[in-house]
């Protein structure tokens, strides 16, 4: 999320409630907490996430640091029980289960839990990490998101993954036994991937019976090894029309299997949508803890130091790892609501995004059948989901 800028016409920090209170209208919304674990065993060539490889990690020191950052957020925002916690990364399954347990227990003390709280942890499907799944479940994790990424050993090697298909599927079986809810990721629209090959791979993925799938098209992100290879002409790419065909095939297969897309790249059986991610896309308040984590609370966006060492130094100086806090004006909030909410199948409330809409551009997109206004909400049509970036450029004021 881009941090809002501060201009002479926008509200200053003093316009927002004091730390420890909640602004009017936020207290009834579910509160989401994101905790970032920044370390990985290796860096995948397509990954632009805030992940770092270190020879050694002082687990006790990192547990204490995350608890301290968490406590600062609790001092700042105490308006509602937590509806979700999400451990992201990096590779959170590299965290000792006792660290996960300590963070969950601390979060419950600070905010309290909704009765049906969702606690998700991202995990690599290695046998070493799968061996921790039972302990992670005992710590309080009730949903796991596995980075399978592909069901082909050659493709996994291309993607820089350390696991093979057999090991990944064994980890999936272990996860399904340990957790009540399981999701896994696949990357498609890979170089040379045919519709027939993707149909077979996705059909196999759907046969495993998980209630949620995250299906992402391979994108070449700046600063990654894949971007460097593409710049040198050493990485073939798929044509946009081919990618669009694969996307449409994905929607048809998942819909038929009872896991329709509720967001551009996320598919679930009804009731198994990621509550944490829905809070983000619906523009509800959320807290971010750990290196590089973003947050949005009390009318302010927060961003923490990305580099682990800088985050630790920030904690020593300030009792938190925040590098930037920026007030969000009504226009900022409307634009961000539009950018995120239009990704959702349920659309976005028009009242929330009205300041961000360009009426002429919206009318053009409606005439082309790419968006629709209905029951007080704005929706992207199925054809529009393929063209969201272009649509947003047209309709954003």
Foldseek 3Di string as FASTA:
>chain_A
DDFDDDDPPFDDPVVFDFFQEADPPQLPDAEEEEEEDAEACDDWQQDPFLHDHDPDDPLVVVLVLLLLQVVVNLRRDARAAHQEYEYYYHAVLVRQLVSLLVVVVSSCVSHNHDPNHAYEYEHELAPVSLVCLQSNVVSPHAEYEYAPAFQQQVVCVVRVHPDHNVSNVVSVVSNVVRHVAYEYEYEDQAPPDALVNLLVGVVVVLVVPGFKYFYHYRDRDPPGNVVVCVVVVNGDGHDLVRVVVSQVVVQVVLVVSQFHDQFSGMTGHPPRPDPNVVCQLQVRFYHYTDAQTWTAGRQKIWGFHSDRVQQSVCCVVPSHRTPDIHGAGLQNQLLSNQLRQQRGQVAYACVSNVSFFDVVLVVVCVVVVQWDDDPRGIYGDPVNSSVVVVSSVRTTD
